[in-house]
Amino acid sequence: MPPIVSVVGKSKSGKTTIIEKLIQELKSRGYRVATIKHVPQGVNFDEAGKDSWRHIQAGSEAIAIGSPDKIVMIKPVAQDATLDEVACLLGEDYDIVLAEGFKQGNAPKIEVHRKDAGSLLRDIKKLIGIVTDEPLETKARQFSSDDVKAIANLLEKGFIKPQKERISLHVNHIPITLTTFPKQIISNVLLAMVSCLKGAGEIKSLQVFLKRE
């Protein structure tokens, strides 16, 4: 899975603006960026009576809507999905995923803080930086909202480059953390087998899916 970093903060703190600037800066450096937005109150993408709505009502587990300029996927869920679960739906073809929200998730986080919004968020785990308009007494690294290049440097050096080459393993839709040794074993075995197959060609990425009863 690509590295994931959440941008968190209180309402109207400027989270979306920071994410917009980071997307532009990282793309200017040649990186592929995907984003995830958390909407606590829920949102409806399929209007009653539309074909997509009828598919879901009939019992479809998910529907993908393809058009000449975009693809939209609708997947009903019984409870609020975790950040990892949503990221799995995006796939692997990105250098980094920036999430807006998910402040209680396990991903590293950058908090966006404004002086007139009051104190910082409480009990935020894995805080790697704060974008702030005032000096703060905190151990986390602090950035100005105008210093997007420095924030992008943090993401590039700390997350994108270390995972430029990676292997992901999910068992029963749960991501499994791999240490260096099993990574090497799995990678070497898969590459050795697939490279012998007719038509494989140069292997830049490899997807394997196994389903068992």
N, C-alpha and C. Protein backbone atom coordinates (compact mmCIF):
# COMPACT_ATOMS: atom_id res chain seq x y z
N MET A 1 0.84 -1.19 0.00
CA MET A 1 0.00 0.00 0.00
C MET A 1 0.89 1.24 0.00
N PRO A 2 0.51 2.28 -0.74
CA PRO A 2 1.29 3.52 -0.71
C PRO A 2 1.30 4.10 0.70
N PRO A 3 2.33 4.89 1.03
CA PRO A 3 2.32 5.56 2.33
C PRO A 3 1.13 6.49 2.44
N ILE A 4 0.55 6.56 3.63
CA ILE A 4 -0.62 7.39 3.88
C ILE A 4 -0.30 8.39 4.97
N VAL A 5 -0.63 9.65 4.74
CA VAL A 5 -0.48 10.69 5.76
C VAL A 5 -1.80 11.43 5.86
N SER A 6 -2.31 11.59 7.08
CA SER A 6 -3.56 12.30 7.30
C SER A 6 -3.30 13.77 7.64
N VAL A 7 -4.10 14.63 7.08
CA VAL A 7 -4.09 16.05 7.43
C VAL A 7 -5.32 16.29 8.29
N VAL A 8 -5.11 16.66 9.55
CA VAL A 8 -6.22 16.79 10.50
C VAL A 8 -6.26 18.21 11.05
N GLY A 9 -7.33 18.53 11.73
CA GLY A 9 -7.48 19.85 12.33
C GLY A 9 -8.93 20.16 12.57
N LYS A 10 -9.17 21.23 13.28
CA LYS A 10 -10.54 21.63 13.57
C LYS A 10 -11.21 22.16 12.31
N SER A 11 -12.54 22.28 12.36
CA SER A 11 -13.30 22.76 11.21
C SER A 11 -12.84 24.16 10.81
N LYS A 12 -12.73 24.38 9.51
CA LYS A 12 -12.33 25.69 8.94
C LYS A 12 -10.89 26.06 9.27
N SER A 13 -10.06 25.08 9.60
CA SER A 13 -8.67 25.38 9.92
C SER A 13 -7.80 25.53 8.68
N GLY A 14 -8.28 25.06 7.54
CA GLY A 14 -7.51 25.16 6.30
C GLY A 14 -6.92 23.85 5.82
N LYS A 15 -7.51 22.73 6.25
CA LYS A 15 -7.00 21.41 5.86
C LYS A 15 -7.03 21.22 4.34
N THR A 16 -8.16 21.54 3.74
CA THR A 16 -8.30 21.33 2.29
C THR A 16 -7.32 22.20 1.51
N THR A 17 -7.11 23.43 1.96
CA THR A 17 -6.17 24.33 1.29
C THR A 17 -4.76 23.76 1.34
N ILE A 18 -4.34 23.25 2.49
CA ILE A 18 -3.00 22.66 2.62
C ILE A 18 -2.87 21.45 1.71
N ILE A 19 -3.90 20.60 1.67
CA ILE A 19 -3.85 19.42 0.80
C ILE A 19 -3.76 19.84 -0.66
N GLU A 20 -4.51 20.84 -1.08
CA GLU A 20 -4.43 21.33 -2.45
C GLU A 20 -3.01 21.76 -2.80
N LYS A 21 -2.38 22.52 -1.90
CA LYS A 21 -1.02 23.01 -2.15
C LYS A 21 -0.02 21.85 -2.19
N LEU A 22 -0.21 20.86 -1.30
CA LEU A 22 0.70 19.71 -1.29
C LEU A 22 0.56 18.87 -2.55
N ILE A 23 -0.67 18.69 -3.02
CA ILE A 23 -0.87 17.95 -4.26
C ILE A 23 -0.11 18.62 -5.40
N GLN A 24 -0.27 19.92 -5.53
CA GLN A 24 0.39 20.65 -6.61
C GLN A 24 1.91 20.57 -6.50
N GLU A 25 2.43 20.73 -5.28
CA GLU A 25 3.89 20.69 -5.08
C GLU A 25 4.45 19.30 -5.37
N LEU A 26 3.79 18.26 -4.85
CA LEU A 26 4.29 16.90 -5.06
C LEU A 26 4.18 16.48 -6.52
N LYS A 27 3.11 16.88 -7.19
CA LYS A 27 2.96 16.56 -8.61
C LYS A 27 4.03 17.28 -9.43
N SER A 28 4.41 18.49 -9.02
CA SER A 28 5.46 19.21 -9.74
C SER A 28 6.81 18.49 -9.61
N ARG A 29 6.94 17.63 -8.61
CA ARG A 29 8.16 16.84 -8.42
C ARG A 29 8.06 15.48 -9.10
N GLY A 30 6.95 15.24 -9.79
CA GLY A 30 6.80 14.00 -10.55
C GLY A 30 6.14 12.87 -9.81
N TYR A 31 5.52 13.14 -8.66
CA TYR A 31 4.89 12.08 -7.88
C TYR A 31 3.40 11.98 -8.19
N ARG A 32 2.91 10.76 -8.07
CA ARG A 32 1.47 10.50 -8.24
C ARG A 32 0.81 10.53 -6.86
N VAL A 33 -0.20 11.37 -6.72
CA VAL A 33 -0.85 11.59 -5.43
C VAL A 33 -2.32 11.21 -5.52
N ALA A 34 -2.81 10.48 -4.53
CA ALA A 34 -4.23 10.20 -4.38
C ALA A 34 -4.70 10.79 -3.06
N THR A 35 -5.97 11.10 -2.95
CA THR A 35 -6.50 11.68 -1.72
C THR A 35 -7.76 10.95 -1.27
N ILE A 36 -7.98 11.02 0.03
CA ILE A 36 -9.19 10.45 0.65
C ILE A 36 -9.78 11.50 1.57
N LYS A 37 -11.06 11.70 1.49
CA LYS A 37 -11.76 12.67 2.33
C LYS A 37 -12.73 11.94 3.25
N HIS A 38 -12.64 12.22 4.54
CA HIS A 38 -13.57 11.62 5.49
C HIS A 38 -14.73 12.57 5.74
N VAL A 39 -15.97 12.07 5.59
CA VAL A 39 -17.17 12.88 5.80
C VAL A 39 -17.98 12.23 6.92
N PRO A 40 -17.87 12.72 8.15
CA PRO A 40 -18.51 12.05 9.29
C PRO A 40 -20.03 11.93 9.18
N GLN A 41 -20.69 12.93 8.55
CA GLN A 41 -22.15 12.92 8.53
C GLN A 41 -22.73 12.05 7.43
N GLY A 42 -21.89 11.48 6.60
CA GLY A 42 -22.37 10.63 5.51
C GLY A 42 -22.70 11.45 4.27
N VAL A 43 -22.76 10.78 3.14
CA VAL A 43 -23.02 11.45 1.88
C VAL A 43 -23.70 10.47 0.93
N ASN A 44 -24.56 10.98 0.06
CA ASN A 44 -25.32 10.14 -0.85
C ASN A 44 -24.93 10.44 -2.29
N PHE A 45 -24.38 9.43 -2.98
CA PHE A 45 -23.94 9.61 -4.36
C PHE A 45 -24.92 8.98 -5.36
N ASP A 46 -25.81 8.15 -4.86
CA ASP A 46 -26.72 7.46 -5.79
C ASP A 46 -28.16 7.89 -5.49
N GLU A 47 -28.74 8.65 -6.41
CA GLU A 47 -30.08 9.17 -6.22
C GLU A 47 -31.12 8.07 -6.43
N ALA A 48 -32.18 8.13 -5.61
CA ALA A 48 -33.25 7.15 -5.72
C ALA A 48 -33.82 7.16 -7.14
N GLY A 49 -33.98 5.97 -7.70
CA GLY A 49 -34.54 5.84 -9.04
C GLY A 49 -33.51 5.74 -10.13
N LYS A 50 -32.28 6.21 -9.87
CA LYS A 50 -31.22 6.11 -10.88
C LYS A 50 -30.78 4.65 -11.02
N ASP A 51 -30.16 4.35 -12.18
CA ASP A 51 -29.73 2.97 -12.42
C ASP A 51 -28.79 2.46 -11.34
N SER A 52 -27.82 3.30 -10.90
CA SER A 52 -26.88 2.87 -9.87
C SER A 52 -27.61 2.55 -8.57
N TRP A 53 -28.58 3.36 -8.22
CA TRP A 53 -29.39 3.14 -7.01
C TRP A 53 -30.15 1.82 -7.13
N ARG A 54 -30.68 1.54 -8.32
CA ARG A 54 -31.44 0.30 -8.53
C ARG A 54 -30.53 -0.92 -8.40
N HIS A 55 -29.28 -0.81 -8.89
CA HIS A 55 -28.33 -1.91 -8.74
C HIS A 55 -28.09 -2.22 -7.26
N ILE A 56 -27.84 -1.16 -6.48
CA ILE A 56 -27.57 -1.34 -5.05
C ILE A 56 -28.79 -1.90 -4.34
N GLN A 57 -29.97 -1.38 -4.66
CA GLN A 57 -31.19 -1.87 -4.04
C GLN A 57 -31.45 -3.33 -4.36
N ALA A 58 -31.00 -3.77 -5.53
CA ALA A 58 -31.19 -5.16 -5.94
C ALA A 58 -30.22 -6.10 -5.21
N GLY A 59 -29.19 -5.54 -4.57
CA GLY A 59 -28.29 -6.36 -3.78
C GLY A 59 -26.84 -6.37 -4.26
N SER A 60 -26.50 -5.52 -5.23
CA SER A 60 -25.10 -5.47 -5.67
C SER A 60 -24.19 -5.03 -4.52
N GLU A 61 -23.07 -5.73 -4.36
CA GLU A 61 -22.13 -5.42 -3.28
C GLU A 61 -21.38 -4.12 -3.56
N ALA A 62 -21.23 -3.77 -4.83
CA ALA A 62 -20.55 -2.52 -5.22
C ALA A 62 -20.89 -2.24 -6.67
N ILE A 63 -20.81 -0.98 -7.05
CA ILE A 63 -21.04 -0.61 -8.45
C ILE A 63 -19.99 0.42 -8.86
N ALA A 64 -19.43 0.21 -10.03
CA ALA A 64 -18.50 1.16 -10.61
C ALA A 64 -19.17 1.81 -11.82
N ILE A 65 -19.15 3.13 -11.84
CA ILE A 65 -19.78 3.88 -12.92
C ILE A 65 -18.67 4.49 -13.78
N GLY A 66 -18.60 4.08 -15.02
CA GLY A 66 -17.56 4.57 -15.92
C GLY A 66 -18.12 5.55 -16.93
N SER A 67 -17.41 6.64 -17.15
CA SER A 67 -17.78 7.63 -18.15
C SER A 67 -16.52 8.02 -18.90
N PRO A 68 -16.63 8.83 -19.96
CA PRO A 68 -15.44 9.20 -20.73
C PRO A 68 -14.38 9.94 -19.93
N ASP A 69 -14.75 10.56 -18.79
CA ASP A 69 -13.76 11.37 -18.08
C ASP A 69 -13.52 10.96 -16.63
N LYS A 70 -14.26 9.99 -16.11
CA LYS A 70 -14.02 9.58 -14.72
C LYS A 70 -14.67 8.24 -14.43
N ILE A 71 -14.23 7.65 -13.31
CA ILE A 71 -14.83 6.43 -12.78
C ILE A 71 -15.26 6.70 -11.34
N VAL A 72 -16.48 6.34 -11.00
CA VAL A 72 -17.00 6.51 -9.65
C VAL A 72 -17.39 5.14 -9.12
N MET A 73 -16.94 4.82 -7.90
CA MET A 73 -17.31 3.55 -7.29
C MET A 73 -18.18 3.80 -6.07
N ILE A 74 -19.27 3.07 -5.95
CA ILE A 74 -20.16 3.15 -4.80
C ILE A 74 -20.18 1.78 -4.14
N LYS A 75 -19.84 1.76 -2.85
CA LYS A 75 -19.79 0.49 -2.11
C LYS A 75 -20.49 0.69 -0.77
N PRO A 76 -21.70 0.18 -0.61
CA PRO A 76 -22.38 0.32 0.67
C PRO A 76 -21.60 -0.39 1.79
N VAL A 77 -21.57 0.21 2.97
CA VAL A 77 -20.88 -0.39 4.11
C VAL A 77 -21.80 -0.35 5.33
N ALA A 78 -21.58 -1.31 6.22
CA ALA A 78 -22.42 -1.40 7.41
C ALA A 78 -21.96 -0.45 8.50
N GLN A 79 -20.68 -0.04 8.45
CA GLN A 79 -20.15 0.88 9.45
C GLN A 79 -19.06 1.73 8.81
N ASP A 80 -18.67 2.77 9.51
CA ASP A 80 -17.66 3.69 9.00
C ASP A 80 -16.38 2.94 8.66
N ALA A 81 -15.93 3.04 7.42
CA ALA A 81 -14.73 2.32 6.99
C ALA A 81 -13.48 2.96 7.57
N THR A 82 -12.48 2.14 7.83
CA THR A 82 -11.21 2.66 8.30
C THR A 82 -10.45 3.27 7.12
N LEU A 83 -9.42 4.04 7.45
CA LEU A 83 -8.60 4.65 6.41
C LEU A 83 -7.93 3.59 5.55
N ASP A 84 -7.42 2.53 6.16
CA ASP A 84 -6.79 1.47 5.40
C ASP A 84 -7.77 0.79 4.45
N GLU A 85 -9.01 0.59 4.90
CA GLU A 85 -10.01 -0.05 4.06
C GLU A 85 -10.33 0.80 2.84
N VAL A 86 -10.43 2.10 3.02
CA VAL A 86 -10.70 2.99 1.89
C VAL A 86 -9.50 3.03 0.96
N ALA A 87 -8.30 3.11 1.54
CA ALA A 87 -7.08 3.17 0.73
C ALA A 87 -6.92 1.92 -0.14
N CYS A 88 -7.33 0.77 0.39
CA CYS A 88 -7.22 -0.47 -0.40
C CYS A 88 -8.03 -0.39 -1.68
N LEU A 89 -9.16 0.33 -1.65
CA LEU A 89 -9.99 0.47 -2.85
C LEU A 89 -9.31 1.31 -3.92
N LEU A 90 -8.41 2.21 -3.50
CA LEU A 90 -7.70 3.05 -4.47
C LEU A 90 -6.67 2.28 -5.26
N GLY A 91 -6.12 1.23 -4.67
CA GLY A 91 -5.08 0.47 -5.35
C GLY A 91 -3.69 0.96 -4.98
N GLU A 92 -2.70 0.50 -5.74
CA GLU A 92 -1.30 0.71 -5.39
C GLU A 92 -0.57 1.72 -6.27
N ASP A 93 -1.20 2.21 -7.30
CA ASP A 93 -0.49 2.97 -8.33
C ASP A 93 -0.29 4.45 -7.97
N TYR A 94 0.12 4.71 -6.74
CA TYR A 94 0.36 6.08 -6.29
C TYR A 94 1.62 6.10 -5.43
N ASP A 95 2.24 7.26 -5.36
CA ASP A 95 3.43 7.40 -4.53
C ASP A 95 3.08 7.76 -3.09
N ILE A 96 1.93 8.41 -2.90
CA ILE A 96 1.48 8.76 -1.56
C ILE A 96 -0.03 9.01 -1.58
N VAL A 97 -0.67 8.74 -0.47
CA VAL A 97 -2.09 9.05 -0.29
C VAL A 97 -2.21 10.08 0.82
N LEU A 98 -2.85 11.21 0.51
CA LEU A 98 -3.11 12.24 1.52
C LEU A 98 -4.57 12.14 1.93
N ALA A 99 -4.80 11.96 3.22
CA ALA A 99 -6.17 11.84 3.72
C ALA A 99 -6.55 13.10 4.49
N GLU A 100 -7.76 13.55 4.28
CA GLU A 100 -8.28 14.68 5.06
C GLU A 100 -9.22 14.14 6.13
N GLY A 101 -8.80 14.29 7.38
CA GLY A 101 -9.60 13.74 8.47
C GLY A 101 -8.97 12.45 9.00
N PHE A 102 -9.80 11.56 9.52
CA PHE A 102 -9.35 10.30 10.13
C PHE A 102 -8.38 10.58 11.27
N LYS A 103 -8.74 11.52 12.14
CA LYS A 103 -7.82 11.92 13.21
C LYS A 103 -7.58 10.81 14.23
N GLN A 104 -8.47 9.82 14.31
CA GLN A 104 -8.27 8.71 15.23
C GLN A 104 -7.64 7.50 14.55
N GLY A 105 -7.28 7.63 13.29
CA GLY A 105 -6.68 6.52 12.56
C GLY A 105 -5.22 6.30 12.93
N ASN A 106 -4.62 5.29 12.33
CA ASN A 106 -3.24 4.91 12.66
C ASN A 106 -2.20 5.57 11.77
N ALA A 107 -2.61 6.32 10.76
CA ALA A 107 -1.66 6.93 9.84
C ALA A 107 -0.92 8.10 10.51
N PRO A 108 0.31 8.39 10.09
CA PRO A 108 1.00 9.60 10.56
C PRO A 108 0.15 10.83 10.21
N LYS A 109 0.26 11.87 11.04
CA LYS A 109 -0.66 13.01 10.87
C LYS A 109 0.07 14.35 10.88
N ILE A 110 -0.45 15.27 10.08
CA ILE A 110 -0.07 16.67 10.12
C ILE A 110 -1.30 17.45 10.55
N GLU A 111 -1.17 18.21 11.63
CA GLU A 111 -2.31 18.99 12.11
C GLU A 111 -2.23 20.42 11.57
N VAL A 112 -3.37 20.92 11.12
CA VAL A 112 -3.46 22.31 10.68
C VAL A 112 -4.13 23.10 11.80
N HIS A 113 -3.43 24.11 12.29
CA HIS A 113 -3.89 24.87 13.46
C HIS A 113 -3.97 26.35 13.14
N ARG A 114 -5.04 26.97 13.61
CA ARG A 114 -5.20 28.43 13.50
C ARG A 114 -5.40 29.00 14.90
N LYS A 115 -4.76 30.12 15.16
CA LYS A 115 -4.80 30.73 16.48
C LYS A 115 -6.22 31.00 16.94
N ASP A 116 -7.07 31.50 16.02
CA ASP A 116 -8.43 31.87 16.42
C ASP A 116 -9.35 30.66 16.60
N ALA A 117 -8.84 29.44 16.32
CA ALA A 117 -9.64 28.22 16.50
C ALA A 117 -9.47 27.61 17.88
N GLY A 118 -8.54 28.19 18.67
CA GLY A 118 -8.34 27.66 20.02
C GLY A 118 -7.16 26.71 20.10
N SER A 119 -7.23 25.79 21.03
CA SER A 119 -6.12 24.88 21.30
C SER A 119 -5.98 23.81 20.22
N LEU A 120 -4.87 23.08 20.29
CA LEU A 120 -4.64 21.96 19.38
C LEU A 120 -5.62 20.82 19.68
N LEU A 121 -5.76 19.92 18.73
CA LEU A 121 -6.56 18.73 18.96
C LEU A 121 -5.93 17.90 20.07
N ARG A 122 -6.74 17.14 20.78
CA ARG A 122 -6.24 16.32 21.87
C ARG A 122 -6.06 14.87 21.44
N ASP A 123 -5.11 14.19 22.09
CA ASP A 123 -4.90 12.76 21.92
C ASP A 123 -4.67 12.36 20.46
N ILE A 124 -3.90 13.16 19.75
CA ILE A 124 -3.56 12.82 18.37
C ILE A 124 -2.29 11.97 18.36
N LYS A 125 -2.39 10.77 17.84
CA LYS A 125 -1.25 9.86 17.79
C LYS A 125 -0.50 10.02 16.47
N LYS A 126 0.79 9.78 16.50
CA LYS A 126 1.66 9.82 15.32
C LYS A 126 1.64 11.20 14.66
N LEU A 127 1.73 12.24 15.46
CA LEU A 127 1.76 13.60 14.93
C LEU A 127 3.18 13.91 14.46
N ILE A 128 3.35 14.19 13.17
CA ILE A 128 4.68 14.42 12.61
C ILE A 128 4.94 15.89 12.31
N GLY A 129 3.90 16.72 12.37
CA GLY A 129 4.10 18.12 12.09
C GLY A 129 2.83 18.92 12.32
N ILE A 130 3.01 20.23 12.50
CA ILE A 130 1.87 21.13 12.71
C ILE A 130 2.03 22.32 11.78
N VAL A 131 1.00 22.61 11.01
CA VAL A 131 0.96 23.82 10.19
C VAL A 131 0.22 24.87 11.03
N THR A 132 0.90 25.93 11.39
CA THR A 132 0.34 26.86 12.37
C THR A 132 0.63 28.31 12.01
N ASP A 133 -0.24 29.20 12.48
CA ASP A 133 -0.05 30.64 12.27
C ASP A 133 0.46 31.33 13.53
N GLU A 134 0.90 30.51 14.52
CA GLU A 134 1.47 31.06 15.76
C GLU A 134 2.48 30.08 16.32
N PRO A 135 3.50 30.56 17.03
CA PRO A 135 4.47 29.64 17.66
C PRO A 135 3.78 28.83 18.75
N LEU A 136 4.13 27.54 18.83
CA LEU A 136 3.51 26.65 19.80
C LEU A 136 4.57 25.94 20.63
N GLU A 137 4.22 25.62 21.86
CA GLU A 137 5.11 24.83 22.72
C GLU A 137 4.78 23.36 22.50
N THR A 138 5.48 22.75 21.59
CA THR A 138 5.23 21.36 21.23
C THR A 138 6.50 20.77 20.66
N LYS A 139 6.65 19.46 20.79
CA LYS A 139 7.82 18.77 20.25
C LYS A 139 7.69 18.54 18.74
N ALA A 140 6.46 18.59 18.22
CA ALA A 140 6.25 18.34 16.80
C ALA A 140 6.83 19.48 15.97
N ARG A 141 7.34 19.15 14.81
CA ARG A 141 7.90 20.15 13.92
C ARG A 141 6.80 21.11 13.45
N GLN A 142 7.11 22.41 13.37
CA GLN A 142 6.11 23.42 13.01
C GLN A 142 6.43 24.04 11.65
N PHE A 143 5.35 24.32 10.90
CA PHE A 143 5.48 24.89 9.56
C PHE A 143 4.51 26.07 9.42
N SER A 144 4.90 27.02 8.62
CA SER A 144 3.97 28.06 8.19
C SER A 144 3.12 27.51 7.05
N SER A 145 1.89 28.00 6.91
CA SER A 145 1.03 27.55 5.82
C SER A 145 1.59 27.93 4.46
N ASP A 146 2.51 28.90 4.43
CA ASP A 146 3.13 29.31 3.16
C ASP A 146 4.35 28.46 2.81
N ASP A 147 4.83 27.68 3.78
CA ASP A 147 6.05 26.90 3.56
C ASP A 147 5.71 25.48 3.09
N VAL A 148 4.98 25.40 1.98
CA VAL A 148 4.52 24.10 1.49
C VAL A 148 5.69 23.24 1.02
N LYS A 149 6.73 23.87 0.47
CA LYS A 149 7.89 23.11 0.02
C LYS A 149 8.53 22.34 1.17
N ALA A 150 8.60 22.95 2.36
CA ALA A 150 9.18 22.26 3.51
C ALA A 150 8.32 21.08 3.95
N ILE A 151 7.01 21.26 3.90
CA ILE A 151 6.10 20.15 4.25
C ILE A 151 6.25 19.02 3.23
N ALA A 152 6.32 19.39 1.95
CA ALA A 152 6.50 18.39 0.89
C ALA A 152 7.83 17.67 1.05
N ASN A 153 8.87 18.39 1.48
CA ASN A 153 10.17 17.75 1.73
C ASN A 153 10.04 16.69 2.81
N LEU A 154 9.30 17.01 3.85
CA LEU A 154 9.08 16.05 4.94
C LEU A 154 8.41 14.78 4.41
N LEU A 155 7.39 14.94 3.59
CA LEU A 155 6.68 13.79 3.03
C LEU A 155 7.56 13.01 2.06
N GLU A 156 8.32 13.75 1.26
CA GLU A 156 9.18 13.10 0.27
C GLU A 156 10.27 12.26 0.93
N LYS A 157 10.98 12.86 1.90
CA LYS A 157 12.11 12.18 2.54
C LYS A 157 11.65 11.11 3.53
N GLY A 158 10.55 11.38 4.21
CA GLY A 158 10.13 10.46 5.26
C GLY A 158 9.21 9.34 4.81
N PHE A 159 8.52 9.52 3.67
CA PHE A 159 7.50 8.55 3.29
C PHE A 159 7.59 8.09 1.83
N ILE A 160 7.73 9.03 0.90
CA ILE A 160 7.69 8.65 -0.52
C ILE A 160 8.94 7.89 -0.94
N LYS A 161 10.13 8.49 -0.71
CA LYS A 161 11.37 7.84 -1.16
C LYS A 161 11.64 6.51 -0.47
N PRO A 162 11.41 6.39 0.86
CA PRO A 162 11.66 5.09 1.50
C PRO A 162 10.76 3.97 0.99
N GLN A 163 9.61 4.33 0.39
CA GLN A 163 8.69 3.31 -0.10
C GLN A 163 8.54 3.36 -1.62
N LYS A 164 9.56 3.88 -2.29
CA LYS A 164 9.51 3.94 -3.75
C LYS A 164 9.40 2.54 -4.35
N GLU A 165 10.11 1.59 -3.74
CA GLU A 165 9.95 0.18 -4.09
C GLU A 165 9.32 -0.51 -2.88
N ARG A 166 8.22 -1.17 -3.08
CA ARG A 166 7.52 -1.75 -1.94
C ARG A 166 6.76 -2.99 -2.36
N ILE A 167 6.41 -3.80 -1.37
CA ILE A 167 5.54 -4.95 -1.57
C ILE A 167 4.47 -4.91 -0.50
N SER A 168 3.23 -5.13 -0.88
CA SER A 168 2.11 -5.08 0.06
C SER A 168 1.46 -6.45 0.16
N LEU A 169 1.05 -6.79 1.36
CA LEU A 169 0.37 -8.06 1.59
C LEU A 169 -0.88 -7.81 2.41
N HIS A 170 -2.03 -8.27 1.90
CA HIS A 170 -3.29 -8.18 2.64
C HIS A 170 -3.85 -9.59 2.80
N VAL A 171 -4.18 -9.95 4.02
CA VAL A 171 -4.80 -11.23 4.31
C VAL A 171 -6.19 -10.97 4.86
N ASN A 172 -7.20 -11.49 4.17
CA ASN A 172 -8.59 -11.24 4.54
C ASN A 172 -8.87 -9.73 4.63
N HIS A 173 -8.32 -8.99 3.67
CA HIS A 173 -8.50 -7.53 3.54
C HIS A 173 -7.80 -6.74 4.64
N ILE A 174 -6.95 -7.39 5.42
CA ILE A 174 -6.22 -6.71 6.48
C ILE A 174 -4.76 -6.58 6.06
N PRO A 175 -4.20 -5.35 6.04
CA PRO A 175 -2.80 -5.19 5.66
C PRO A 175 -1.87 -5.83 6.69
N ILE A 176 -0.88 -6.57 6.20
CA ILE A 176 0.07 -7.25 7.07
C ILE A 176 1.42 -6.53 6.98
N THR A 177 1.98 -6.18 8.12
CA THR A 177 3.28 -5.54 8.16
C THR A 177 4.37 -6.57 7.89
N LEU A 178 5.24 -6.26 6.94
CA LEU A 178 6.31 -7.17 6.57
C LEU A 178 7.67 -6.56 6.93
N THR A 179 8.52 -7.35 7.56
CA THR A 179 9.88 -6.92 7.81
C THR A 179 10.73 -7.17 6.56
N THR A 180 11.98 -6.77 6.60
CA THR A 180 12.83 -6.84 5.41
C THR A 180 12.98 -8.26 4.87
N PHE A 181 13.19 -9.23 5.74
CA PHE A 181 13.44 -10.60 5.26
C PHE A 181 12.25 -11.20 4.50
N PRO A 182 11.02 -11.22 5.09
CA PRO A 182 9.90 -11.77 4.31
C PRO A 182 9.61 -10.96 3.04
N LYS A 183 9.86 -9.66 3.08
CA LYS A 183 9.69 -8.86 1.86
C LYS A 183 10.59 -9.38 0.74
N GLN A 184 11.84 -9.63 1.08
CA GLN A 184 12.79 -10.11 0.08
C GLN A 184 12.41 -11.49 -0.44
N ILE A 185 12.00 -12.37 0.48
CA ILE A 185 11.63 -13.73 0.09
C ILE A 185 10.43 -13.70 -0.87
N ILE A 186 9.37 -13.00 -0.47
CA ILE A 186 8.15 -12.94 -1.30
C ILE A 186 8.46 -12.31 -2.64
N SER A 187 9.20 -11.19 -2.63
CA SER A 187 9.52 -10.50 -3.87
C SER A 187 10.34 -11.37 -4.81
N ASN A 188 11.37 -12.01 -4.28
CA ASN A 188 12.25 -12.84 -5.12
C ASN A 188 11.51 -14.04 -5.71
N VAL A 189 10.67 -14.69 -4.90
CA VAL A 189 9.94 -15.86 -5.37
C VAL A 189 8.95 -15.47 -6.47
N LEU A 190 8.18 -14.40 -6.23
CA LEU A 190 7.19 -13.98 -7.22
C LEU A 190 7.85 -13.55 -8.52
N LEU A 191 8.91 -12.75 -8.43
CA LEU A 191 9.59 -12.29 -9.64
C LEU A 191 10.19 -13.46 -10.42
N ALA A 192 10.75 -14.43 -9.71
CA ALA A 192 11.35 -15.58 -10.37
C ALA A 192 10.29 -16.39 -11.12
N MET A 193 9.14 -16.60 -10.50
CA MET A 193 8.09 -17.39 -11.14
C MET A 193 7.47 -16.65 -12.33
N VAL A 194 7.12 -15.38 -12.12
CA VAL A 194 6.40 -14.64 -13.15
C VAL A 194 7.30 -14.33 -14.34
N SER A 195 8.58 -14.06 -14.10
CA SER A 195 9.48 -13.74 -15.21
C SER A 195 9.64 -14.90 -16.18
N CYS A 196 9.30 -16.12 -15.74
CA CYS A 196 9.39 -17.29 -16.62
C CYS A 196 8.14 -17.47 -17.48
N LEU A 197 7.10 -16.71 -17.20
CA LEU A 197 5.84 -16.87 -17.93
C LEU A 197 5.88 -16.14 -19.26
N LYS A 198 5.33 -16.77 -20.26
CA LYS A 198 5.28 -16.18 -21.59
C LYS A 198 4.43 -14.91 -21.58
N GLY A 199 4.97 -13.84 -22.15
CA GLY A 199 4.22 -12.59 -22.25
C GLY A 199 4.36 -11.68 -21.05
N ALA A 200 5.13 -12.09 -20.04
CA ALA A 200 5.27 -11.26 -18.83
C ALA A 200 6.01 -9.96 -19.12
N GLY A 201 7.06 -10.03 -19.93
CA GLY A 201 7.82 -8.83 -20.26
C GLY A 201 8.53 -8.25 -19.05
N GLU A 202 8.87 -6.96 -19.15
CA GLU A 202 9.53 -6.30 -18.04
C GLU A 202 8.54 -6.07 -16.91
N ILE A 203 8.90 -6.46 -15.70
CA ILE A 203 7.98 -6.39 -14.57
C ILE A 203 8.27 -5.11 -13.78
N LYS A 204 7.36 -4.16 -13.87
CA LYS A 204 7.47 -2.93 -13.08
C LYS A 204 6.53 -2.95 -11.88
N SER A 205 5.44 -3.67 -12.01
CA SER A 205 4.52 -3.89 -10.89
C SER A 205 3.88 -5.25 -11.08
N LEU A 206 3.43 -5.82 -9.99
CA LEU A 206 2.89 -7.17 -10.02
C LEU A 206 1.70 -7.26 -9.06
N GLN A 207 0.58 -7.76 -9.55
CA GLN A 207 -0.60 -7.93 -8.72
C GLN A 207 -0.98 -9.40 -8.67
N VAL A 208 -1.12 -9.92 -7.47
CA VAL A 208 -1.51 -11.30 -7.27
C VAL A 208 -2.70 -11.33 -6.31
N PHE A 209 -3.74 -12.04 -6.68
CA PHE A 209 -4.91 -12.16 -5.79
C PHE A 209 -5.25 -13.63 -5.64
N LEU A 210 -5.42 -14.08 -4.41
CA LEU A 210 -5.76 -15.46 -4.12
C LEU A 210 -7.04 -15.50 -3.30
N LYS A 211 -8.01 -16.27 -3.77
CA LYS A 211 -9.27 -16.45 -3.02
C LYS A 211 -9.46 -17.91 -2.71
N ARG A 212 -9.73 -18.21 -1.45
CA ARG A 212 -9.96 -19.59 -1.04
C ARG A 212 -11.31 -19.71 -0.35
N GLU A 213 -11.91 -20.89 -0.49
CA GLU A 213 -13.19 -21.13 0.18
C GLU A 213 -12.96 -21.36 1.67
